[in-house]
Amino acid sequence: MLLVHDFLLSKSGIAASKGLLRDAVERHKARLSSEFTRSRLRRGYASVGALITAINETIAAGTGAESIGQTDTNGPSEKLERQNPRWIRVNTIKTSLKDVLNNVYFKNFECGNSIEDLFSTPVRRLYYQNPVLLPNIFAIHPSHNITSNTLYTSGCLILQSAASCLPALMLDPPPGSSVIDACAAPGNKTTHLASVMKNKGHITATERDIRRADVLEMMVAKAGADKSVTCLKAVDFMTLDPNDAQWSEVDHLLLDPSCSGSGILGRVEWSLSSFSLPSSNVPLEVSNTGKHVRKRKRKFSTKEDKKDVDEEEKEMNPTVDTSAEETIPELQEEENKPEEETKDRLPSLTKFQLLILLHALAFSAAKRITYSTCSLHAEENEHVVVRALNSTVAKKRGWKVESRGDNKLKTWDGRGLPAECAQLEGVDDDERQRVAEGCVRVGRGDGLGGGFFVVCFVRDNGRDPTSRASESTQDVTQEKGKEEVDEEEWTGFDEDPQEVSSEKAAQSNGESNKKTMVEKPKKDKTIHPKKSLQKGNKSWRK
C-alpha cells in the first residue's frame, strides 16, 4: 500500500530500492494509474491536487476520508477518530508556559474554549489548555508547524501526546526524589519526570536496546535534563536487584513497558474486504503479441504443492468462468492475520508486563509506582493490575491502587472497567469498584493523542527492610518458573517406582518398621538443575 501510494501520489515516485515488491508494483503501472483515475473521477475531482486537498480538509474536520465525494466502500473499515490536535509540552527546565506564549510565534494566538475550537473553518491561530489536568501542556491545530521554530530546536518545546504525559503527572515525584524509569526510550516521559521534579533529585533511566538508548541519551541532553538523569544504556530493568544498596533510596518508579499499541492513532485497522479488488479474469502478464505468457512451473515436493500451483494457474486463466462470486483463501487469511497475531501476542505481552510490575513492587523503599500502556486491551491493563494486586509481594508489602480522589488525574472522566476487575481476590465489590475508578483510561477519540491506560500503585508503610529478596521476588520467580517448566525436558522421577511399590507392599503386610528395601543411592542433583521441576514444587507435573 505504501509503494502504491508513492507511485500514484508522490512527486518523486517510489523511493524504495529495487526488490520484489517494487517490481510487482511497476509491472502494473498502467493498470494502477487507470484505476486510480477512474476512482478520482467517480468522486468528481478533475485533478489529483483537488483530491488531495479535499482529503486533507476532511481529515482536519475530523471525519473519515470515505465521506469525500461519492460514498463507496473504498477506505478504512473504521472512521477516523475525532479531531486530535498537535500537543506540545513546555520544557520547564529551560522555559515557562508564560514565556512560550509571549514568544513572537505564539504572541498572536488566542486561547480556545475546547479542542473543537481549534478545528474551526477556516483554521485560526488558537491554542487550547487544560491547566488542571495538563499543566504546562497545550494544543494547537496540526497545520501549525513549529519544528523549525527555535523554541523547538533548542529543546524548550517537546512534541508529545497529552496521553503519554499522564504517567509522569500521576506519579508526581517531588523535587529531590529518587526515581527509576524502567523502559525509558525514547525519553519523553523521562524528561517530563525531570521537569516535574524541577531537575532536582535523581532519575535512573534504563533501556536495554542500545540503539534506543542512544536516542534516549540524546533526548535527555537536548532537554537539559542530564543534570538529574543517568542513562543506563543496554541495561535491562529486570537485572536490577531490588534489595541492592544501590537502589535503597528509590521511592518512585515509572513503568511503561512494550504493549500491543492498540491505542496508537496511526494503527488504523484496515479490512481488505472493503476494497474493490481487481477481478481475477484479467491476465497479469501479456506478451507483446497479445498472447498470454505461460510461466515456468516451480518445483514442488508434494501433491498439495502441485494442487496449489494448478489452482493458481486456473484462477489466472481468462477462459475460466468467473461470473460466480469467488472467495480467495489467501485474501481472507491476510485479512484476519493482524487480529489473530494480536490475540496470539497478548499472552506473552501480559506475562512480560506482569513480570516488570512485580519486579518493581519488590523495591524496598518504593512508595509510588505508575504502570501504563498505549493499549485498549483489558488483558494488558486491568487484568495485569488485578494479577499484581493478587500477588504475594503486593499483599505482603501493602501495595494498593491509589483512589481516584487522591491522584492528580481525578478530573478525568475515563476510568477503568469494573467488570475486568472481577478476579481481584479477598475483597468486596466496593473495593473492586474503587480499584477500577483508580485506573485511568483514554479512548482513541478523546482528543489526547491516542488511547492510553495508566494506574498508580501506592504503599503507605514505606520501607520494608526486613523483607528478603527471596521472599519479595517470589511471584517473579513463579512466573518465570511457569515459562521454564515448559521449555525443560522431562528426565524422569526422583524415586524408583518399583522401590516405592515395594515399600507400600511392605507397609500393607505390617512390616513398615523393618528395612525391606535396599538402601537408595544418593540423588544425582544434576538431573534436575531447576527447582521448578522438583516434585514438591507447585508447578511440577508429569
Protein backbone atom coordinates (compact mmCIF):
# COMPACT_ATOMS: atom_id res chain seq x y z
CA MET A 1 0.00 0.00 0.00
CA LEU A 2 2.87 2.37 0.76
CA LEU A 3 4.58 1.66 -2.56
CA VAL A 4 1.35 2.18 -4.49
CA HIS A 5 0.78 5.43 -2.61
CA ASP A 6 4.27 6.65 -3.54
CA PHE A 7 3.78 5.63 -7.16
CA LEU A 8 0.44 7.43 -7.50
CA LEU A 9 0.84 10.48 -5.25
CA SER A 10 4.49 11.16 -4.51
CA LYS A 11 6.25 13.64 -6.80
CA SER A 12 9.50 11.69 -6.55
CA GLY A 13 7.82 8.34 -7.14
CA ILE A 14 8.76 5.16 -5.32
CA ALA A 15 11.71 5.81 -3.03
CA ALA A 16 12.34 2.18 -2.09
CA SER A 17 15.25 0.30 -3.57
CA LYS A 18 14.81 -2.50 -6.08
CA GLY A 19 13.07 -5.58 -4.82
CA LEU A 20 10.21 -8.00 -5.37
CA LEU A 21 7.55 -5.65 -4.03
CA ARG A 22 8.66 -2.73 -6.16
CA ASP A 23 8.86 -4.98 -9.23
CA ALA A 24 5.30 -6.16 -8.57
CA VAL A 25 4.03 -2.58 -8.48
CA GLU A 26 5.96 -1.46 -11.54
CA ARG A 27 4.67 -4.41 -13.60
CA HIS A 28 1.18 -2.94 -13.30
CA LYS A 29 1.84 0.79 -13.61
CA ALA A 30 -0.65 1.34 -16.42
CA ARG A 31 -3.46 -0.56 -14.73
CA LEU A 32 -2.88 1.14 -11.35
CA SER A 33 -2.89 4.60 -12.96
CA SER A 34 -6.09 3.95 -14.89
CA GLU A 35 -7.92 2.54 -11.85
CA PHE A 36 -6.80 5.50 -9.75
CA THR A 37 -8.03 7.94 -12.40
CA ARG A 38 -11.42 6.22 -12.56
CA SER A 39 -11.74 6.33 -8.78
CA ARG A 40 -10.83 10.05 -8.71
CA LEU A 41 -13.33 10.91 -11.46
CA ARG A 42 -16.10 8.93 -9.75
CA ARG A 43 -15.65 11.25 -6.78
CA GLY A 44 -15.89 14.32 -9.01
CA TYR A 45 -12.32 15.68 -8.84
CA ALA A 46 -10.67 16.89 -12.02
CA SER A 47 -7.11 16.64 -10.73
CA VAL A 48 -5.03 14.77 -8.20
CA GLY A 49 -4.29 18.02 -6.38
CA ALA A 50 -8.00 18.70 -5.89
CA LEU A 51 -8.50 15.22 -4.46
CA ILE A 52 -5.57 15.57 -2.03
CA THR A 53 -6.82 18.99 -0.86
CA ALA A 54 -10.29 17.59 -0.22
CA ILE A 55 -8.88 14.64 1.75
CA ASN A 56 -6.73 16.90 3.94
CA GLU A 57 -9.66 19.21 4.66
CA THR A 58 -11.90 16.26 5.54
CA ILE A 59 -9.36 14.76 7.94
CA ALA A 60 -8.78 18.16 9.55
CA ALA A 61 -12.54 18.40 10.11
CA GLY A 62 -12.44 15.08 11.95
CA THR A 63 -14.46 12.93 9.53
CA GLY A 64 -13.37 9.86 7.66
CA ALA A 65 -11.80 10.02 4.23
CA GLU A 66 -14.59 7.77 2.92
CA SER A 67 -17.01 10.71 3.16
CA ILE A 68 -15.24 12.55 0.33
CA GLY A 69 -17.20 12.77 -2.90
CA GLN A 70 -19.42 9.83 -3.69
CA THR A 71 -19.95 7.31 -0.95
CA ASP A 72 -18.40 3.94 -1.72
CA THR A 73 -16.65 1.11 0.05
CA ASN A 74 -13.10 2.24 -0.66
CA GLY A 75 -11.39 3.28 2.56
CA PRO A 76 -10.80 2.17 6.14
CA SER A 77 -13.31 -0.03 7.89
CA GLU A 78 -13.42 2.43 10.78
CA LYS A 79 -13.91 6.17 10.57
CA LEU A 80 -11.04 8.28 11.77
CA GLU A 81 -11.35 9.37 15.37
CA ARG A 82 -12.46 12.85 16.31
CA GLN A 83 -10.08 15.77 15.95
CA ASN A 84 -6.68 15.18 17.50
CA PRO A 85 -4.54 18.31 17.69
CA ARG A 86 -0.79 18.73 17.94
CA TRP A 87 0.06 18.56 21.63
CA ILE A 88 3.08 20.47 22.93
CA ARG A 89 4.76 20.10 26.31
CA VAL A 90 6.63 23.07 27.67
CA ASN A 91 10.03 22.01 28.99
CA THR A 92 10.02 23.90 32.28
CA ILE A 93 13.69 23.06 32.80
CA LYS A 94 14.51 25.67 30.16
CA THR A 95 11.49 27.98 29.96
CA SER A 96 7.92 28.57 31.17
CA LEU A 97 4.47 28.46 29.61
CA LYS A 98 4.14 32.22 30.00
CA ASP A 99 7.39 32.88 28.15
CA VAL A 100 6.40 30.49 25.35
CA LEU A 101 3.01 32.15 24.79
CA ASN A 102 4.74 35.55 24.73
CA ASN A 103 7.14 34.33 22.05
CA VAL A 104 6.84 36.02 18.67
CA TYR A 105 5.45 32.81 17.11
CA PHE A 106 2.61 32.35 19.63
CA LYS A 107 2.07 36.01 20.52
CA ASN A 108 -0.96 36.32 18.23
CA PHE A 109 -2.52 33.04 19.35
CA GLU A 110 -5.75 33.22 21.33
CA CYS A 111 -6.94 30.70 23.92
CA GLY A 112 -9.81 28.49 22.73
CA ASN A 113 -12.51 27.07 24.96
CA SER A 114 -12.23 23.49 23.68
CA ILE A 115 -10.33 21.22 21.32
CA GLU A 116 -13.17 21.58 18.81
CA ASP A 117 -12.44 25.33 18.56
CA LEU A 118 -9.02 24.52 17.09
CA PHE A 119 -10.70 22.84 14.13
CA SER A 120 -12.99 25.68 13.17
CA THR A 121 -13.12 26.62 9.50
CA PRO A 122 -11.07 28.46 8.45
CA VAL A 123 -8.28 27.44 10.79
CA ARG A 124 -7.43 30.25 13.21
CA ARG A 125 -4.42 30.94 15.41
CA LEU A 126 -5.77 29.32 18.58
CA TYR A 127 -4.36 27.19 21.36
CA TYR A 128 -6.14 25.09 23.97
CA GLN A 129 -5.04 24.31 27.51
CA ASN A 130 -6.48 22.43 30.48
CA PRO A 131 -4.24 23.69 33.31
CA VAL A 132 -5.87 21.48 35.97
CA LEU A 133 -5.42 18.19 34.14
CA LEU A 134 -2.43 19.05 31.92
CA PRO A 135 -0.22 21.75 33.45
CA ASN A 136 2.39 23.26 31.10
CA ILE A 137 0.86 21.41 28.14
CA PHE A 138 -1.19 22.96 25.33
CA ALA A 139 -2.57 22.05 21.92
CA ILE A 140 -2.68 23.73 18.52
CA HIS A 141 -4.07 22.78 15.12
CA PRO A 142 -1.85 20.19 13.37
CA SER A 143 -1.36 22.51 10.39
CA HIS A 144 0.72 24.87 12.57
CA ASN A 145 4.27 23.63 12.11
CA ILE A 146 6.67 24.54 14.92
CA THR A 147 9.52 22.15 14.12
CA SER A 148 11.56 24.94 12.52
CA ASN A 149 10.97 27.31 15.44
CA THR A 150 13.94 27.96 17.73
CA LEU A 151 11.79 27.05 20.75
CA TYR A 152 11.54 23.52 19.39
CA THR A 153 15.07 23.15 18.07
CA SER A 154 16.52 24.35 21.39
CA GLY A 155 14.52 21.83 23.43
CA CYS A 156 12.19 24.35 25.08
CA LEU A 157 9.17 22.70 23.45
CA ILE A 158 8.65 18.95 23.13
CA LEU A 159 6.07 17.38 20.83
CA GLN A 160 4.37 14.75 22.99
CA SER A 161 0.81 13.48 23.04
CA ALA A 162 -1.16 14.56 26.08
CA ALA A 163 -1.98 10.93 26.86
CA SER A 164 1.69 9.99 27.20
CA CYS A 165 2.17 12.88 29.64
CA LEU A 166 -0.24 11.30 32.13
CA PRO A 167 2.19 8.78 33.78
CA ALA A 168 4.64 11.44 34.98
CA LEU A 169 1.78 13.68 36.11
CA MET A 170 0.17 10.83 38.05
CA LEU A 171 3.47 9.64 39.59
CA ASP A 172 4.17 13.24 40.67
CA PRO A 173 7.60 12.75 42.29
CA PRO A 174 8.56 15.78 44.41
CA PRO A 175 11.93 17.51 43.88
CA GLY A 176 14.74 15.51 45.43
CA SER A 177 13.13 12.12 44.78
CA SER A 178 14.99 9.05 43.59
CA VAL A 179 13.19 7.66 40.53
CA ILE A 180 13.63 4.78 38.11
CA ASP A 181 12.19 4.98 34.59
CA ALA A 182 12.21 1.30 33.70
CA CYS A 183 11.58 1.37 29.93
CA ALA A 184 12.81 4.85 29.18
CA ALA A 185 13.45 5.26 25.43
CA PRO A 186 12.89 7.46 23.54
CA GLY A 187 12.91 9.75 26.59
CA ASN A 188 9.78 11.92 26.53
CA LYS A 189 8.49 10.55 29.84
CA THR A 190 11.98 10.67 31.34
CA THR A 191 12.44 14.36 30.55
CA HIS A 192 8.88 15.05 31.71
CA LEU A 193 9.77 13.48 35.08
CA ALA A 194 12.79 15.79 35.29
CA SER A 195 10.53 18.79 34.63
CA VAL A 196 8.04 17.70 37.29
CA MET A 197 10.95 17.34 39.76
CA LYS A 198 12.33 20.76 38.70
CA ASN A 199 15.52 18.96 37.68
CA LYS A 200 16.26 18.27 41.37
CA GLY A 201 16.81 14.72 42.55
CA HIS A 202 17.93 11.70 40.57
CA ILE A 203 16.33 9.70 37.76
CA THR A 204 17.80 6.40 36.60
CA ALA A 205 16.64 5.65 33.05
CA THR A 206 17.18 2.06 31.86
CA GLU A 207 16.96 0.95 28.25
CA ARG A 208 18.13 -2.48 27.14
CA ASP A 209 18.24 -1.74 23.39
CA ILE A 210 21.49 0.08 22.63
CA ARG A 211 20.14 2.00 19.62
CA ARG A 212 17.10 3.23 21.51
CA ALA A 213 19.38 4.04 24.43
CA ASP A 214 21.38 6.37 22.16
CA VAL A 215 18.16 8.22 21.28
CA LEU A 216 17.27 8.40 24.98
CA GLU A 217 20.65 9.94 25.82
CA MET A 218 20.31 12.48 23.02
CA MET A 219 16.80 13.50 24.13
CA VAL A 220 17.90 13.91 27.75
CA ALA A 221 20.79 16.15 26.70
CA LYS A 222 18.60 18.24 24.38
CA ALA A 223 16.07 18.83 27.18
CA GLY A 224 18.82 19.88 29.60
CA ALA A 225 17.88 17.07 31.98
CA ASP A 226 21.32 15.43 32.10
CA LYS A 227 21.90 17.07 35.47
CA SER A 228 19.31 14.83 37.14
CA VAL A 229 19.11 11.87 34.72
CA THR A 230 21.53 8.96 34.47
CA CYS A 231 21.04 6.74 31.41
CA LEU A 232 21.90 3.08 31.88
CA LYS A 233 22.46 2.08 28.27
CA ALA A 234 21.89 -1.56 27.26
CA VAL A 235 20.72 -2.40 30.79
CA ASP A 236 17.56 -4.43 31.39
CA PHE A 237 15.45 -3.20 34.31
CA MET A 238 14.82 -6.82 35.28
CA THR A 239 18.53 -7.26 36.05
CA LEU A 240 18.45 -4.63 38.83
CA ASP A 241 18.39 -6.18 42.31
CA PRO A 242 15.54 -4.53 44.28
CA ASN A 243 17.37 -5.20 47.57
CA ASP A 244 20.76 -3.91 46.45
CA ALA A 245 22.02 -0.96 48.50
CA GLN A 246 22.44 0.98 45.26
CA TRP A 247 18.64 1.19 44.92
CA SER A 248 17.82 1.51 48.62
CA GLU A 249 16.62 5.11 48.19
CA VAL A 250 14.43 4.60 45.11
CA ASP A 251 10.95 5.72 46.12
CA HIS A 252 9.23 6.26 42.74
CA LEU A 253 9.16 4.06 39.63
CA LEU A 254 7.62 4.69 36.22
CA LEU A 255 6.78 1.61 34.14
CA ASP A 256 5.74 1.96 30.51
CA PRO A 257 6.58 -1.47 29.03
CA SER A 258 6.11 -2.69 25.50
CA CYS A 259 2.49 -3.36 24.58
CA SER A 260 0.29 -4.13 21.60
CA GLY A 261 -0.09 -0.41 20.78
CA SER A 262 -3.79 -0.81 20.04
CA GLY A 263 -4.42 2.77 21.18
CA ILE A 264 -1.99 4.40 18.77
CA LEU A 265 -3.88 6.56 16.27
CA GLY A 266 -1.65 5.65 13.33
CA ARG A 267 -2.64 2.00 13.62
CA VAL A 268 -6.00 2.05 11.87
CA GLU A 269 -7.47 -1.42 11.34
CA TRP A 270 -7.93 -1.98 7.61
CA SER A 271 -10.16 -4.61 6.05
CA LEU A 272 -9.17 -5.93 2.63
CA SER A 273 -12.79 -6.91 2.03
CA SER A 274 -13.71 -3.20 1.87
CA PHE A 275 -11.51 -2.60 -1.19
CA SER A 276 -12.68 -3.00 -4.80
CA LEU A 277 -10.08 -5.55 -5.81
CA PRO A 278 -9.40 -6.30 -9.49
CA SER A 279 -11.28 -9.33 -10.78
CA SER A 280 -9.29 -12.46 -11.49
CA ASN A 281 -10.30 -12.69 -15.16
CA VAL A 282 -7.70 -10.09 -16.20
CA PRO A 283 -4.33 -11.59 -17.12
CA LEU A 284 -1.39 -10.39 -15.04
CA GLU A 285 1.19 -10.67 -17.80
CA VAL A 286 0.66 -10.28 -21.53
CA SER A 287 3.36 -10.60 -24.18
CA ASN A 288 3.97 -8.03 -26.92
CA THR A 289 2.00 -10.18 -29.34
CA GLY A 290 -1.05 -10.18 -27.08
CA LYS A 291 -0.71 -13.85 -26.21
CA HIS A 292 -0.57 -14.98 -22.63
CA VAL A 293 2.84 -15.85 -21.30
CA ARG A 294 2.97 -19.23 -19.65
CA LYS A 295 5.11 -19.04 -16.57
CA ARG A 296 7.66 -21.74 -15.85
CA LYS A 297 6.31 -24.12 -13.25
CA ARG A 298 8.17 -24.18 -10.00
CA LYS A 299 9.33 -27.44 -8.48
CA PHE A 300 7.20 -28.93 -5.75
CA SER A 301 7.78 -31.81 -3.38
CA THR A 302 4.21 -32.85 -2.50
CA LYS A 303 0.90 -33.32 -4.25
CA GLU A 304 -0.54 -30.50 -2.17
CA ASP A 305 2.02 -28.08 -3.59
CA LYS A 306 1.16 -29.16 -7.13
CA LYS A 307 -2.53 -28.71 -6.41
CA ASP A 308 -1.91 -25.18 -5.19
CA VAL A 309 0.04 -24.35 -8.35
CA ASP A 310 -2.69 -25.74 -10.59
CA GLU A 311 -5.40 -23.78 -8.77
CA GLU A 312 -3.34 -20.61 -9.00
CA GLU A 313 -2.91 -21.01 -12.77
CA LYS A 314 -6.60 -21.76 -13.13
CA GLU A 315 -7.52 -18.51 -11.39
CA MET A 316 -5.18 -16.58 -13.68
CA ASN A 317 -6.60 -18.20 -16.83
CA PRO A 318 -9.00 -15.74 -18.52
CA THR A 319 -11.09 -18.56 -20.01
CA VAL A 320 -12.30 -19.60 -16.58
CA ASP A 321 -15.89 -18.56 -15.80
CA THR A 322 -15.73 -16.00 -13.03
CA SER A 323 -19.36 -14.90 -13.10
CA ALA A 324 -19.97 -16.59 -9.77
CA GLU A 325 -18.71 -14.83 -6.65
CA GLU A 326 -15.40 -16.26 -5.53
CA THR A 327 -13.72 -16.29 -2.15
CA ILE A 328 -9.94 -16.13 -2.30
CA PRO A 329 -8.49 -18.00 0.72
CA GLU A 330 -5.25 -16.06 0.58
CA LEU A 331 -7.05 -12.72 0.90
CA GLN A 332 -9.25 -14.00 3.69
CA GLU A 333 -6.19 -15.27 5.56
CA GLU A 334 -4.38 -11.95 5.11
CA GLU A 335 -7.47 -10.05 6.25
CA ASN A 336 -7.66 -11.96 9.52
CA LYS A 337 -3.93 -12.10 10.12
CA PRO A 338 -3.40 -8.83 12.08
CA GLU A 339 -6.18 -9.59 14.56
CA GLU A 340 -5.01 -13.17 15.02
CA GLU A 341 -1.42 -12.05 15.52
CA THR A 342 -2.55 -9.57 18.18
CA LYS A 343 -4.52 -12.25 20.02
CA ASP A 344 -1.57 -14.66 19.90
CA ARG A 345 0.79 -11.95 21.10
CA LEU A 346 -1.29 -10.73 24.05
CA PRO A 347 -0.47 -13.63 26.45
CA SER A 348 3.29 -13.16 26.04
CA LEU A 349 2.94 -9.38 26.34
CA THR A 350 0.87 -9.59 29.52
CA LYS A 351 3.33 -12.05 31.06
CA PHE A 352 6.20 -9.67 30.27
CA GLN A 353 4.28 -6.68 31.65
CA LEU A 354 3.36 -8.51 34.84
CA LEU A 355 6.95 -9.59 35.46
CA ILE A 356 8.15 -5.98 35.20
CA LEU A 357 5.41 -4.77 37.53
CA LEU A 358 6.08 -7.48 40.14
CA HIS A 359 9.79 -6.69 39.97
CA ALA A 360 9.08 -3.02 40.65
CA LEU A 361 6.80 -3.83 43.61
CA ALA A 362 9.77 -5.54 45.28
CA PHE A 363 11.95 -2.41 45.62
CA SER A 364 12.42 -1.90 49.34
CA ALA A 365 11.88 1.88 49.56
CA ALA A 366 9.32 2.27 46.77
CA LYS A 367 6.19 4.24 47.69
CA ARG A 368 4.62 5.11 44.32
CA ILE A 369 4.67 3.20 41.01
CA THR A 370 2.84 4.07 37.81
CA TYR A 371 2.06 1.38 35.24
CA SER A 372 0.92 2.49 31.79
CA THR A 373 0.34 1.20 28.26
CA CYS A 374 -0.83 2.67 24.97
CA SER A 375 -3.24 -0.26 24.68
CA LEU A 376 -7.01 -0.58 24.85
CA HIS A 377 -7.00 -4.31 25.71
CA ALA A 378 -8.12 -5.18 29.24
CA GLU A 379 -5.65 -8.10 29.20
CA GLU A 380 -2.76 -5.62 29.24
CA ASN A 381 -4.44 -3.15 31.56
CA GLU A 382 -6.95 -4.11 34.28
CA HIS A 383 -6.00 -7.80 34.17
CA VAL A 384 -2.33 -7.03 34.82
CA VAL A 385 -3.30 -4.71 37.67
CA VAL A 386 -5.52 -7.37 39.28
CA ARG A 387 -2.88 -10.10 38.95
CA ALA A 388 -0.31 -7.80 40.53
CA LEU A 389 -2.62 -6.99 43.46
CA ASN A 390 -3.26 -10.72 43.96
CA SER A 391 0.49 -11.41 44.16
CA THR A 392 2.36 -12.26 47.35
CA VAL A 393 4.69 -9.26 47.18
CA ALA A 394 1.78 -6.81 46.80
CA LYS A 395 -0.11 -8.26 49.75
CA LYS A 396 2.96 -8.54 51.98
CA ARG A 397 4.15 -5.01 51.34
CA GLY A 398 0.76 -3.34 51.44
CA TRP A 399 0.53 -2.20 47.81
CA LYS A 400 -2.82 -0.91 46.57
CA VAL A 401 -4.22 1.18 43.74
CA GLU A 402 -4.41 4.87 44.55
CA SER A 403 -8.01 6.07 44.85
CA ARG A 404 -9.37 8.45 42.23
CA GLY A 405 -9.83 11.25 44.74
CA ASP A 406 -6.18 11.10 45.75
CA ASN A 407 -4.41 11.18 42.38
CA LYS A 408 -3.56 14.08 40.12
CA LEU A 409 -5.87 12.92 37.33
CA LYS A 410 -9.10 12.84 39.33
CA THR A 411 -10.80 15.32 36.98
CA TRP A 412 -10.55 12.94 34.01
CA ASP A 413 -13.80 11.04 33.45
CA GLY A 414 -12.42 7.99 31.65
CA ARG A 415 -11.92 5.23 34.22
CA GLY A 416 -11.11 1.52 34.38
CA LEU A 417 -13.65 -1.21 33.66
CA PRO A 418 -15.13 -2.68 36.88
CA ALA A 419 -16.12 -5.92 35.10
CA GLU A 420 -12.45 -6.55 34.25
CA CYS A 421 -11.52 -6.39 37.96
CA ALA A 422 -13.77 -9.32 38.93
CA GLN A 423 -10.78 -11.61 39.62
CA LEU A 424 -9.48 -9.43 42.45
CA GLU A 425 -9.18 -11.78 45.44
CA GLY A 426 -10.30 -11.32 49.03
CA VAL A 427 -12.21 -8.05 48.57
CA ASP A 428 -15.82 -6.97 48.15
CA ASP A 429 -17.45 -5.30 45.16
CA ASP A 430 -16.86 -1.84 46.60
CA GLU A 431 -13.10 -2.41 46.61
CA ARG A 432 -13.20 -3.72 43.05
CA GLN A 433 -15.09 -0.60 42.06
CA ARG A 434 -12.52 1.57 43.86
CA VAL A 435 -9.66 -0.15 42.01
CA ALA A 436 -11.39 0.36 38.66
CA GLU A 437 -12.01 4.02 39.49
CA GLY A 438 -8.34 4.43 40.33
CA CYS A 439 -7.38 3.37 36.79
CA VAL A 440 -7.40 5.99 34.02
CA ARG A 441 -8.49 5.12 30.50
CA VAL A 442 -8.19 7.38 27.45
CA GLY A 443 -10.03 6.46 24.27
CA ARG A 444 -8.66 6.89 20.77
CA GLY A 445 -11.31 9.51 20.13
CA ASP A 446 -10.89 11.53 23.33
CA GLY A 447 -8.59 14.08 21.70
CA LEU A 448 -5.48 13.44 23.81
CA GLY A 449 -3.48 11.92 21.00
CA GLY A 450 -4.46 8.26 21.23
CA GLY A 451 -5.76 5.51 23.50
CA PHE A 452 -3.96 5.08 26.81
CA PHE A 453 -4.13 3.41 30.23
CA VAL A 454 -2.36 4.43 33.45
CA VAL A 455 -2.67 3.49 37.12
CA CYS A 456 -0.71 4.38 40.24
CA PHE A 457 0.20 1.86 42.96
CA VAL A 458 0.82 3.34 46.41
CA ARG A 459 2.24 1.94 49.63
CA ASP A 460 1.71 3.77 52.89
CA ASN A 461 4.02 1.76 55.14
CA GLY A 462 7.16 2.88 53.30
CA ARG A 463 10.42 0.99 53.65
CA ASP A 464 10.34 -2.70 54.50
CA PRO A 465 13.95 -3.51 55.48
CA THR A 466 13.08 -6.95 56.90
CA SER A 467 12.00 -8.32 53.54
CA ARG A 468 14.39 -10.75 51.97
CA ALA A 469 14.98 -10.80 48.24
CA SER A 470 13.92 -14.45 48.00
CA GLU A 471 10.58 -13.62 49.59
CA SER A 472 9.82 -10.31 47.91
CA THR A 473 10.50 -11.70 44.43
CA GLN A 474 8.65 -14.96 44.96
CA ASP A 475 5.95 -14.03 42.43
CA VAL A 476 8.53 -13.13 39.80
CA THR A 477 10.27 -16.48 40.30
CA GLN A 478 6.99 -18.34 40.00
CA GLU A 479 6.08 -16.54 36.78
CA LYS A 480 9.49 -17.33 35.31
CA GLY A 481 9.23 -20.90 36.60
CA LYS A 482 6.00 -21.43 34.67
CA GLU A 483 7.77 -20.48 31.49
CA GLU A 484 10.89 -22.53 32.26
CA VAL A 485 8.98 -25.71 33.03
CA ASP A 486 7.52 -25.65 29.52
CA GLU A 487 10.97 -25.44 27.97
CA GLU A 488 12.77 -28.02 30.17
CA GLU A 489 12.94 -31.62 29.00
CA TRP A 490 11.45 -34.24 31.36
CA THR A 491 14.13 -36.61 32.68
CA GLY A 492 12.14 -38.95 34.92
CA PHE A 493 11.12 -39.27 38.55
CA ASP A 494 13.39 -38.72 41.52
CA GLU A 495 12.38 -42.06 43.02
CA ASP A 496 12.30 -45.50 41.50
CA PRO A 497 8.63 -46.51 41.07
CA GLN A 498 9.48 -50.18 41.78
CA GLU A 499 11.06 -49.25 45.11
CA VAL A 500 8.02 -47.15 46.02
CA SER A 501 5.71 -50.04 45.18
CA SER A 502 7.81 -52.46 47.27
CA GLU A 503 7.72 -50.07 50.22
CA LYS A 504 3.93 -49.75 50.05
CA ALA A 505 3.55 -53.51 49.82
CA ALA A 506 5.76 -53.99 52.88
CA GLN A 507 3.73 -51.48 54.85
CA SER A 508 0.46 -53.27 53.99
CA ASN A 509 1.92 -56.54 55.41
CA GLY A 510 2.67 -54.89 58.76
CA GLU A 511 6.38 -54.64 58.13
CA SER A 512 6.56 -50.86 57.93
CA ASN A 513 9.10 -50.67 60.78
CA LYS A 514 11.56 -53.06 59.14
CA LYS A 515 14.03 -52.29 56.43
CA THR A 516 12.55 -54.13 53.47
CA MET A 517 14.26 -52.14 50.77
CA VAL A 518 17.77 -51.83 49.52
CA GLU A 519 19.36 -48.55 50.55
CA LYS A 520 18.65 -45.88 47.95
CA PRO A 521 21.56 -44.37 46.10
CA LYS A 522 22.14 -40.67 46.59
CA LYS A 523 20.20 -38.48 44.19
CA ASP A 524 22.12 -37.01 41.35
CA LYS A 525 21.45 -33.29 41.70
CA THR A 526 22.41 -32.70 38.10
CA ILE A 527 19.28 -34.48 36.92
CA HIS A 528 17.05 -31.57 37.95
CA PRO A 529 19.10 -28.40 37.90
CA LYS A 530 15.97 -26.26 38.05
CA LYS A 531 13.92 -26.16 41.21
CA SER A 532 10.74 -25.72 39.19
CA LEU A 533 10.99 -29.37 38.08
CA GLN A 534 11.15 -30.88 41.57
CA LYS A 535 8.19 -32.99 42.61
CA GLY A 536 7.36 -30.88 45.63
CA ASN A 537 7.09 -27.70 43.58
CA LYS A 538 3.59 -26.45 42.72
CA SER A 539 4.45 -26.17 39.05
CA TRP A 540 5.72 -29.77 38.93
CA ARG A 541 3.89 -32.01 36.53
CA LYS A 542 4.30 -35.23 34.58
